[in-house]
């Protein structure tokens, strides 16, 4: 991938977030927003995912396959959706060859996550193996990047952030997810 092309105004980003849910819910909604770097929203997709399930990686792969032609970056804020439905970022990158940027505002507590997974899931080892603590701190953000250097990922994130620390495509995905219901 020509990483300089990431900085074109029409670079397409596919950002994902999940809708609110309770532990009593069987499903929640995964929202994907394709937005160009110049803030133009091209499309919004909706996928149903299992709360604490194992299908988020497949659902994102489906969304990318259906709508992601020309997408240059996949963007997430964390890699757990619908509780502990863990996104396998390595598999997602392997299948799509699209760089993935994951941004969070605090360093993940991997020991606490591991303990929670061990307590609640028989398949905790599989879920835990999908997680990565390979985050680099930049100012107020922790950045995990696959398919590009973390410093380049951070530079890209700052260019698609309008205000605060949340990149605009993620902010829009969060707003849309906030009004979605799983039925």
C-alpha atoms as a PDB file:
ATOM      1  CA  UNK A   1       0.000   0.000   0.000  1.00  0.00           C
ATOM      2  CA  UNK A   2       1.202   3.490  -0.836  1.00  0.00           C
ATOM      3  CA  UNK A   3       0.959   5.084   2.589  1.00  0.00           C
ATOM      4  CA  UNK A   4       1.205   8.602   1.172  1.00  0.00           C
ATOM      5  CA  UNK A   5      -2.197   8.059  -0.445  1.00  0.00           C
ATOM      6  CA  UNK A   6      -3.681   7.871   3.061  1.00  0.00           C
ATOM      7  CA  UNK A   7      -3.375  11.607   3.241  1.00  0.00           C
ATOM      8  CA  UNK A   8      -5.539  12.383   0.197  1.00  0.00           C
ATOM      9  CA  UNK A   9      -8.776  14.184   0.999  1.00  0.00           C
ATOM     10  CA  UNK A  10     -10.856  11.375  -0.533  1.00  0.00           C
ATOM     11  CA  UNK A  11      -9.264   8.549   1.485  1.00  0.00           C
ATOM     12  CA  UNK A  12     -12.104   6.269   2.637  1.00  0.00           C
ATOM     13  CA  UNK A  13     -12.296   5.084   6.260  1.00  0.00           C
ATOM     14  CA  UNK A  14     -14.610   2.333   7.552  1.00  0.00           C
ATOM     15  CA  UNK A  15     -15.291   2.967  11.261  1.00  0.00           C
ATOM     16  CA  UNK A  16     -17.161   0.521  13.525  1.00  0.00           C
ATOM     17  CA  UNK A  17     -18.955   0.855  16.856  1.00  0.00           C
ATOM     18  CA  UNK A  18     -21.623  -1.093  18.703  1.00  0.00           C
ATOM     19  CA  UNK A  19     -24.972   0.027  20.063  1.00  0.00           C
ATOM     20  CA  UNK A  20     -25.905   0.042  23.746  1.00  0.00           C
ATOM     21  CA  UNK A  21     -26.981  -3.306  25.177  1.00  0.00           C
ATOM     22  CA  UNK A  22     -27.597  -5.086  28.438  1.00  0.00           C
ATOM     23  CA  UNK A  23     -26.291  -8.477  29.503  1.00  0.00           C
ATOM     24  CA  UNK A  24     -29.857  -9.754  29.113  1.00  0.00           C
ATOM     25  CA  UNK A  25     -29.825  -8.906  25.400  1.00  0.00           C
ATOM     26  CA  UNK A  26     -29.026 -11.718  22.998  1.00  0.00           C
ATOM     27  CA  UNK A  27     -27.948  -9.317  20.227  1.00  0.00           C
ATOM     28  CA  UNK A  28     -26.802  -5.772  19.706  1.00  0.00           C
ATOM     29  CA  UNK A  29     -26.115  -3.714  16.590  1.00  0.00           C
ATOM     30  CA  UNK A  30     -22.749  -3.134  14.983  1.00  0.00           C
ATOM     31  CA  UNK A  31     -22.683   0.080  12.949  1.00  0.00           C
ATOM     32  CA  UNK A  32     -20.136   0.757  10.231  1.00  0.00           C
ATOM     33  CA  UNK A  33     -19.668   4.200   8.709  1.00  0.00           C
ATOM     34  CA  UNK A  34     -17.692   4.815   5.555  1.00  0.00           C
ATOM     35  CA  UNK A  35     -16.488   8.387   5.612  1.00  0.00           C
ATOM     36  CA  UNK A  36     -13.959  10.096   3.417  1.00  0.00           C
ATOM     37  CA  UNK A  37     -11.134  12.017   5.012  1.00  0.00           C
ATOM     38  CA  UNK A  38     -12.832  15.252   3.883  1.00  0.00           C
ATOM     39  CA  UNK A  39     -15.761  14.318   6.235  1.00  0.00           C
ATOM     40  CA  UNK A  40     -18.174  13.210   3.504  1.00  0.00           C
ATOM     41  CA  UNK A  41     -20.256  10.238   4.689  1.00  0.00           C
ATOM     42  CA  UNK A  42     -20.625   7.696   1.889  1.00  0.00           C
ATOM     43  CA  UNK A  43     -22.619   4.945   3.578  1.00  0.00           C
ATOM     44  CA  UNK A  44     -23.748   3.470   6.866  1.00  0.00           C
ATOM     45  CA  UNK A  45     -24.164  -0.269   7.441  1.00  0.00           C
ATOM     46  CA  UNK A  46     -25.894  -2.169  10.206  1.00  0.00           C
ATOM     47  CA  UNK A  47     -25.103  -5.722  11.318  1.00  0.00           C
ATOM     48  CA  UNK A  48     -26.539  -7.697  14.185  1.00  0.00           C
ATOM     49  CA  UNK A  49     -23.935  -9.263  16.504  1.00  0.00           C
ATOM     50  CA  UNK A  50     -24.268 -11.535  19.510  1.00  0.00           C
ATOM     51  CA  UNK A  51     -23.742 -10.021  22.954  1.00  0.00           C
ATOM     52  CA  UNK A  52     -20.646 -11.794  24.328  1.00  0.00           C
ATOM     53  CA  UNK A  53     -20.604 -13.840  21.113  1.00  0.00           C
ATOM     54  CA  UNK A  54     -17.840 -14.653  18.673  1.00  0.00           C
ATOM     55  CA  UNK A  55     -19.188 -13.228  15.412  1.00  0.00           C
ATOM     56  CA  UNK A  56     -17.914  -9.642  15.240  1.00  0.00           C
ATOM     57  CA  UNK A  57     -14.909 -10.479  13.048  1.00  0.00           C
ATOM     58  CA  UNK A  58     -17.164 -12.251  10.525  1.00  0.00           C
ATOM     59  CA  UNK A  59     -19.682  -9.387  10.548  1.00  0.00           C
ATOM     60  CA  UNK A  60     -16.989  -6.789   9.877  1.00  0.00           C
ATOM     61  CA  UNK A  61     -15.578  -8.977   7.106  1.00  0.00           C
ATOM     62  CA  UNK A  62     -19.103  -9.174   5.624  1.00  0.00           C
ATOM     63  CA  UNK A  63     -19.511  -5.390   5.803  1.00  0.00           C
ATOM     64  CA  UNK A  64     -16.135  -4.795   4.160  1.00  0.00           C
ATOM     65  CA  UNK A  65     -16.969  -7.343   1.464  1.00  0.00           C
ATOM     66  CA  UNK A  66     -20.353  -5.751   0.753  1.00  0.00           C
ATOM     67  CA  UNK A  67     -19.529  -2.051   0.959  1.00  0.00           C
ATOM     68  CA  UNK A  68     -15.808  -1.628   1.502  1.00  0.00           C
ATOM     69  CA  UNK A  69     -14.506  -1.338  -2.045  1.00  0.00           C
ATOM     70  CA  UNK A  70     -11.794   1.310  -2.022  1.00  0.00           C
ATOM     71  CA  UNK A  71     -11.631   1.601   1.772  1.00  0.00           C
ATOM     72  CA  UNK A  72      -8.071   2.457   2.833  1.00  0.00           C
ATOM     73  CA  UNK A  73      -8.387   2.159   6.646  1.00  0.00           C
ATOM     74  CA  UNK A  74     -10.559   0.238   9.114  1.00  0.00           C
ATOM     75  CA  UNK A  75     -11.002   2.178  12.346  1.00  0.00           C
ATOM     76  CA  UNK A  76     -12.171   0.951  15.745  1.00  0.00           C
ATOM     77  CA  UNK A  77     -12.240   2.243  19.297  1.00  0.00           C
ATOM     78  CA  UNK A  78     -11.328  -0.891  21.178  1.00  0.00           C
ATOM     79  CA  UNK A  79     -11.654  -4.429  19.878  1.00  0.00           C
ATOM     80  CA  UNK A  80     -14.450  -5.761  22.027  1.00  0.00           C
ATOM     81  CA  UNK A  81     -17.974  -5.231  20.796  1.00  0.00           C
ATOM     82  CA  UNK A  82     -21.232  -6.279  22.415  1.00  0.00           C
ATOM     83  CA  UNK A  83     -19.453  -7.075  25.674  1.00  0.00           C
ATOM     84  CA  UNK A  84     -16.698  -9.602  25.037  1.00  0.00           C
ATOM     85  CA  UNK A  85     -17.348 -10.278  21.346  1.00  0.00           C
ATOM     86  CA  UNK A  86     -13.654  -9.920  20.509  1.00  0.00           C
ATOM     87  CA  UNK A  87     -12.512  -8.642  17.123  1.00  0.00           C
ATOM     88  CA  UNK A  88      -9.612 -10.682  15.791  1.00  0.00           C
ATOM     89  CA  UNK A  89      -7.669  -7.788  14.254  1.00  0.00           C
ATOM     90  CA  UNK A  90      -4.949 -10.082  12.933  1.00  0.00           C
ATOM     91  CA  UNK A  91      -7.476 -12.183  11.010  1.00  0.00           C
ATOM     92  CA  UNK A  92      -9.309  -9.085   9.787  1.00  0.00           C
ATOM     93  CA  UNK A  93      -6.074  -7.623   8.431  1.00  0.00           C
ATOM     94  CA  UNK A  94      -5.012 -10.956   6.939  1.00  0.00           C
ATOM     95  CA  UNK A  95      -8.331 -11.318   5.076  1.00  0.00           C
ATOM     96  CA  UNK A  96      -8.731  -7.706   3.918  1.00  0.00           C
ATOM     97  CA  UNK A  97      -5.154  -6.404   3.643  1.00  0.00           C
ATOM     98  CA  UNK A  98      -6.625  -3.057   4.766  1.00  0.00           C
ATOM     99  CA  UNK A  99      -4.680  -1.285   7.530  1.00  0.00           C
ATOM    100  CA  UNK A 100      -6.462  -1.310  10.876  1.00  0.00           C
ATOM    101  CA  UNK A 101      -6.215   1.471  13.422  1.00  0.00           C
ATOM    102  CA  UNK A 102      -7.581   0.946  16.902  1.00  0.00           C
ATOM    103  CA  UNK A 103      -7.624   3.997  19.186  1.00  0.00           C
ATOM    104  CA  UNK A 104      -8.445   4.120  22.892  1.00  0.00           C
ATOM    105  CA  UNK A 105      -8.087   6.810  25.525  1.00  0.00           C
ATOM    106  CA  UNK A 106      -6.532   4.559  28.192  1.00  0.00           C
ATOM    107  CA  UNK A 107      -4.103   1.700  28.228  1.00  0.00           C
ATOM    108  CA  UNK A 108      -5.978  -1.621  28.221  1.00  0.00           C
ATOM    109  CA  UNK A 109      -5.626  -3.543  31.497  1.00  0.00           C
ATOM    110  CA  UNK A 110      -4.801  -6.927  29.981  1.00  0.00           C
ATOM    111  CA  UNK A 111      -4.627  -8.692  33.364  1.00  0.00           C
ATOM    112  CA  UNK A 112      -8.131  -7.524  34.285  1.00  0.00           C
ATOM    113  CA  UNK A 113      -9.457  -8.497  30.852  1.00  0.00           C
ATOM    114  CA  UNK A 114      -7.876 -11.945  31.116  1.00  0.00           C
ATOM    115  CA  UNK A 115      -9.390 -12.478  34.575  1.00  0.00           C
ATOM    116  CA  UNK A 116     -12.864 -11.495  33.329  1.00  0.00           C
ATOM    117  CA  UNK A 117     -12.583 -13.800  30.330  1.00  0.00           C
ATOM    118  CA  UNK A 118     -11.430 -16.695  32.519  1.00  0.00           C
ATOM    119  CA  UNK A 119     -14.319 -16.119  34.895  1.00  0.00           C
ATOM    120  CA  UNK A 120     -17.125 -15.964  32.320  1.00  0.00           C
ATOM    121  CA  UNK A 121     -16.093 -17.901  29.214  1.00  0.00           C
ATOM    122  CA  UNK A 122     -15.096 -21.503  28.639  1.00  0.00           C
ATOM    123  CA  UNK A 123     -13.366 -20.414  25.430  1.00  0.00           C
ATOM    124  CA  UNK A 124     -11.465 -17.644  27.227  1.00  0.00           C
ATOM    125  CA  UNK A 125      -8.103 -18.698  25.780  1.00  0.00           C
ATOM    126  CA  UNK A 126      -9.337 -18.290  22.206  1.00  0.00           C
ATOM    127  CA  UNK A 127     -10.855 -14.891  22.979  1.00  0.00           C
ATOM    128  CA  UNK A 128      -7.771 -13.752  24.855  1.00  0.00           C
ATOM    129  CA  UNK A 129      -5.440 -14.867  22.064  1.00  0.00           C
ATOM    130  CA  UNK A 130      -7.271 -12.457  19.719  1.00  0.00           C
ATOM    131  CA  UNK A 131      -6.404  -9.520  21.952  1.00  0.00           C
ATOM    132  CA  UNK A 132      -3.183  -7.604  21.646  1.00  0.00           C
ATOM    133  CA  UNK A 133      -1.584  -5.244  24.110  1.00  0.00           C
ATOM    134  CA  UNK A 134       0.591  -3.741  21.388  1.00  0.00           C
ATOM    135  CA  UNK A 135      -0.512  -0.133  21.874  1.00  0.00           C
ATOM    136  CA  UNK A 136       1.703   2.920  21.542  1.00  0.00           C
ATOM    137  CA  UNK A 137       0.920   6.074  23.501  1.00  0.00           C
ATOM    138  CA  UNK A 138       0.689   9.379  21.639  1.00  0.00           C
ATOM    139  CA  UNK A 139      -0.433  12.419  23.636  1.00  0.00           C
ATOM    140  CA  UNK A 140      -3.874  11.428  25.020  1.00  0.00           C
ATOM    141  CA  UNK A 141      -4.408   8.347  22.830  1.00  0.00           C
ATOM    142  CA  UNK A 142      -3.200   4.788  22.701  1.00  0.00           C
ATOM    143  CA  UNK A 143      -2.911   3.545  19.139  1.00  0.00           C
ATOM    144  CA  UNK A 144      -2.735  -0.005  17.855  1.00  0.00           C
ATOM    145  CA  UNK A 145      -1.959  -0.306  14.153  1.00  0.00           C
ATOM    146  CA  UNK A 146      -1.766  -3.233  11.760  1.00  0.00           C
ATOM    147  CA  UNK A 147      -0.535  -2.651   8.241  1.00  0.00           C
ATOM    148  CA  UNK A 148       1.169   0.657   9.039  1.00  0.00           C
ATOM    149  CA  UNK A 149       3.517   2.159  11.581  1.00  0.00           C
ATOM    150  CA  UNK A 150       1.811   3.391  14.784  1.00  0.00           C
ATOM    151  CA  UNK A 151       3.278   6.892  14.317  1.00  0.00           C
ATOM    152  CA  UNK A 152       1.754   7.113  10.824  1.00  0.00           C
ATOM    153  CA  UNK A 153      -1.550   5.789  12.202  1.00  0.00           C
ATOM    154  CA  UNK A 154      -1.532   8.484  14.893  1.00  0.00           C
ATOM    155  CA  UNK A 155      -0.778  11.190  12.316  1.00  0.00           C
ATOM    156  CA  UNK A 156      -3.704   9.930  10.221  1.00  0.00           C
ATOM    157  CA  UNK A 157      -6.024   9.848  13.260  1.00  0.00           C
ATOM    158  CA  UNK A 158      -5.188  13.457  14.144  1.00  0.00           C
ATOM    159  CA  UNK A 159      -6.080  14.508  10.598  1.00  0.00           C
ATOM    160  CA  UNK A 160      -9.546  12.924  10.800  1.00  0.00           C
ATOM    161  CA  UNK A 161     -10.316  14.269  14.281  1.00  0.00           C
ATOM    162  CA  UNK A 162     -12.397  17.431  14.274  1.00  0.00           C
ATOM    163  CA  UNK A 163     -12.349  18.147  17.984  1.00  0.00           C
ATOM    164  CA  UNK A 164     -11.436  16.234  21.119  1.00  0.00           C
ATOM    165  CA  UNK A 165      -9.724  12.853  20.726  1.00  0.00           C
ATOM    166  CA  UNK A 166     -12.308  10.738  18.902  1.00  0.00           C
ATOM    167  CA  UNK A 167     -11.797  10.571  15.122  1.00  0.00           C
ATOM    168  CA  UNK A 168     -14.827  11.867  13.235  1.00  0.00           C
ATOM    169  CA  UNK A 169     -15.751   8.554  11.538  1.00  0.00           C
ATOM    170  CA  UNK A 170     -15.848   6.852  14.960  1.00  0.00           C
ATOM    171  CA  UNK A 171     -17.843   9.729  16.459  1.00  0.00           C
ATOM    172  CA  UNK A 172     -20.465   9.362  13.719  1.00  0.00           C
ATOM    173  CA  UNK A 173     -20.538   5.548  14.105  1.00  0.00           C
ATOM    174  CA  UNK A 174     -21.048   6.031  17.852  1.00  0.00           C
ATOM    175  CA  UNK A 175     -23.896   8.520  17.311  1.00  0.00           C
ATOM    176  CA  UNK A 176     -25.691   6.214  14.872  1.00  0.00           C
ATOM    177  CA  UNK A 177     -25.099   3.139  17.046  1.00  0.00           C
ATOM    178  CA  UNK A 178     -26.547   5.038  19.998  1.00  0.00           C
ATOM    179  CA  UNK A 179     -29.977   5.149  18.361  1.00  0.00           C
ATOM    180  CA  UNK A 180     -29.992   1.605  16.977  1.00  0.00           C
ATOM    181  CA  UNK A 181     -31.879  -1.312  18.395  1.00  0.00           C
ATOM    182  CA  UNK A 182     -31.116  -4.938  17.617  1.00  0.00           C
ATOM    183  CA  UNK A 183     -34.680  -5.836  16.523  1.00  0.00           C
END
